[in-house]
C-alpha atoms as a PDB file:
ATOM      1  CA  MET A   1      38.415 -17.778  18.609  1.00  0.00           C
ATOM      2  CA  THR A   2      39.524 -21.227  17.535  1.00  0.00           C
ATOM      3  CA  GLU A   3      38.033 -24.486  18.653  1.00  0.00           C
ATOM      4  CA  MET A   4      41.212 -25.276  20.596  1.00  0.00           C
ATOM      5  CA  THR A   5      40.647 -22.109  22.607  1.00  0.00           C
ATOM      6  CA  VAL A   6      37.082 -23.157  23.364  1.00  0.00           C
ATOM      7  CA  ILE A   7      38.248 -26.629  24.409  1.00  0.00           C
ATOM      8  CA  GLU A   8      40.943 -25.145  26.641  1.00  0.00           C
ATOM      9  CA  LEU A   9      38.468 -22.749  28.274  1.00  0.00           C
ATOM     10  CA  GLY A  10      36.055 -25.623  28.858  1.00  0.00           C
ATOM     11  CA  ARG A  11      38.829 -27.726  30.377  1.00  0.00           C
ATOM     12  CA  GLN A  12      39.856 -24.891  32.696  1.00  0.00           C
ATOM     13  CA  ALA A  13      36.239 -24.285  33.714  1.00  0.00           C
ATOM     14  CA  LEU A  14      35.620 -27.968  34.490  1.00  0.00           C
ATOM     15  CA  TRP A  15      38.867 -28.209  36.462  1.00  0.00           C
ATOM     16  CA  THR A  16      37.922 -25.107  38.466  1.00  0.00           C
ATOM     17  CA  VAL A  17      34.473 -26.537  39.241  1.00  0.00           C
ATOM     18  CA  LEU A  18      35.975 -29.843  40.384  1.00  0.00           C
ATOM     19  CA  LEU A  19      38.598 -28.067  42.457  1.00  0.00           C
ATOM     20  CA  VAL A  20      36.076 -25.800  44.172  1.00  0.00           C
ATOM     21  CA  ALA A  21      33.341 -28.399  44.756  1.00  0.00           C
ATOM     22  CA  GLY A  22      35.694 -31.238  45.677  1.00  0.00           C
ATOM     23  CA  PRO A  23      36.327 -30.506  49.361  1.00  0.00           C
ATOM     24  CA  ILE A  24      32.652 -30.015  50.214  1.00  0.00           C
ATOM     25  CA  LEU A  25      31.483 -33.041  48.245  1.00  0.00           C
ATOM     26  CA  GLY A  26      34.277 -35.191  49.668  1.00  0.00           C
ATOM     27  CA  LEU A  27      33.446 -34.228  53.233  1.00  0.00           C
ATOM     28  CA  ALA A  28      29.737 -34.890  52.641  1.00  0.00           C
ATOM     29  CA  LEU A  29      30.617 -38.284  51.167  1.00  0.00           C
ATOM     30  CA  ILE A  30      32.802 -39.250  54.125  1.00  0.00           C
ATOM     31  CA  THR A  31      30.175 -38.048  56.614  1.00  0.00           C
ATOM     32  CA  GLY A  32      27.443 -40.002  54.831  1.00  0.00           C
ATOM     33  CA  LEU A  33      29.601 -43.122  54.826  1.00  0.00           C
ATOM     34  CA  LEU A  34      30.343 -42.831  58.545  1.00  0.00           C
ATOM     35  CA  VAL A  35      26.672 -42.275  59.384  1.00  0.00           C
ATOM     36  CA  SER A  36      25.692 -45.252  57.218  1.00  0.00           C
ATOM     37  CA  ILE A  37      28.201 -47.470  59.001  1.00  0.00           C
ATOM     38  CA  PHE A  38      26.855 -46.241  62.345  1.00  0.00           C
ATOM     39  CA  GLN A  39      23.283 -46.967  61.264  1.00  0.00           C
ATOM     40  CA  ALA A  40      24.199 -50.423  60.004  1.00  0.00           C
ATOM     41  CA  THR A  41      25.959 -51.386  63.217  1.00  0.00           C
ATOM     42  CA  THR A  42      23.301 -50.034  65.579  1.00  0.00           C
ATOM     43  CA  GLN A  43      20.295 -50.770  63.334  1.00  0.00           C
ATOM     44  CA  VAL A  44      18.939 -47.278  63.914  1.00  0.00           C
ATOM     45  CA  GLN A  45      17.052 -46.232  60.775  1.00  0.00           C
ATOM     46  CA  GLU A  46      16.185 -42.623  61.501  1.00  0.00           C
ATOM     47  CA  GLN A  47      16.010 -40.370  58.415  1.00  0.00           C
ATOM     48  CA  THR A  48      17.114 -37.213  60.213  1.00  0.00           C
ATOM     49  CA  LEU A  49      20.221 -39.014  61.444  1.00  0.00           C
ATOM     50  CA  THR A  50      21.550 -39.054  57.884  1.00  0.00           C
ATOM     51  CA  PHE A  51      20.612 -35.470  57.050  1.00  0.00           C
ATOM     52  CA  VAL A  52      21.739 -33.448  60.068  1.00  0.00           C
ATOM     53  CA  PRO A  53      25.409 -34.575  60.245  1.00  0.00           C
ATOM     54  CA  LYS A  54      25.862 -34.004  56.514  1.00  0.00           C
ATOM     55  CA  LEU A  55      24.292 -30.576  56.849  1.00  0.00           C
ATOM     56  CA  PHE A  56      26.716 -29.609  59.598  1.00  0.00           C
ATOM     57  CA  ALA A  57      29.667 -31.108  57.720  1.00  0.00           C
ATOM     58  CA  VAL A  58      28.859 -29.136  54.566  1.00  0.00           C
ATOM     59  CA  LEU A  59      28.315 -25.953  56.574  1.00  0.00           C
ATOM     60  CA  GLY A  60      31.637 -26.429  58.357  1.00  0.00           C
ATOM     61  CA  ALA A  61      33.441 -27.166  55.097  1.00  0.00           C
ATOM     62  CA  THR A  62      31.939 -24.054  53.536  1.00  0.00           C
ATOM     63  CA  ILE A  63      33.162 -21.942  56.440  1.00  0.00           C
ATOM     64  CA  LEU A  64      36.593 -23.599  56.410  1.00  0.00           C
ATOM     65  CA  PHE A  65      37.185 -23.692  52.648  1.00  0.00           C
ATOM     66  CA  GLY A  66      35.055 -20.667  51.687  1.00  0.00           C
ATOM     67  CA  PRO A  67      37.842 -18.086  51.387  1.00  0.00           C
ATOM     68  CA  TRP A  68      39.972 -20.450  49.307  1.00  0.00           C
ATOM     69  CA  MET A  69      37.005 -21.298  47.069  1.00  0.00           C
ATOM     70  CA  VAL A  70      36.223 -17.617  46.469  1.00  0.00           C
ATOM     71  CA  GLN A  71      39.886 -16.891  45.742  1.00  0.00           C
ATOM     72  CA  THR A  72      40.034 -19.743  43.204  1.00  0.00           C
ATOM     73  CA  LEU A  73      36.887 -18.552  41.457  1.00  0.00           C
ATOM     74  CA  LEU A  74      38.134 -14.957  41.405  1.00  0.00           C
ATOM     75  CA  GLU A  75      41.434 -16.044  39.842  1.00  0.00           C
ATOM     76  CA  PHE A  76      39.572 -17.970  37.140  1.00  0.00           C
ATOM     77  CA  ALA A  77      37.211 -15.074  36.412  1.00  0.00           C
ATOM     78  CA  GLY A  78      40.105 -12.613  36.454  1.00  0.00           C
ATOM     79  CA  GLY A  79      41.971 -14.747  33.928  1.00  0.00           C
ATOM     80  CA  LEU A  80      38.920 -14.814  31.691  1.00  0.00           C
ATOM     81  CA  LEU A  81      38.469 -11.059  31.851  1.00  0.00           C
ATOM     82  CA  ALA A  82      42.188 -10.326  31.413  1.00  0.00           C
ATOM     83  CA  ASN A  83      42.305 -12.413  28.231  1.00  0.00           C
ATOM     84  CA  MET A  84      38.976 -11.261  26.832  1.00  0.00           C
ATOM     85  CA  HIS A  85      40.709  -9.524  23.939  1.00  0.00           C
ATOM     86  CA  LEU A  86      42.007 -12.927  22.783  1.00  0.00           C
ATOM     87  CA  TYR A  87      38.526 -14.484  22.774  1.00  0.00           C
ATOM     88  CA  ILE A  88      36.735 -11.751  20.823  1.00  0.00           C
ATOM     89  CA  GLY A  89      37.268 -11.421  17.149  1.00  0.00           C
END
């Protein structure tokens, strides 16, 4: 296995992680921003107000994007296992 192969595998792994985690993290970021704007305009500083909407947003995103995320991870793992003979030796 050459160092270019290792670099390419690392690049593919990082891209897969970003692709899979992106929708959930993006939705949590947008939800947190909206709650922060709401808190700033109403001057309500309740700690649970920031946690509960993000929790529901992440749960909803996991339900919505879950099958696609699993499919993406399975394709990546399948590609690794299918090309295992190229990596060994």
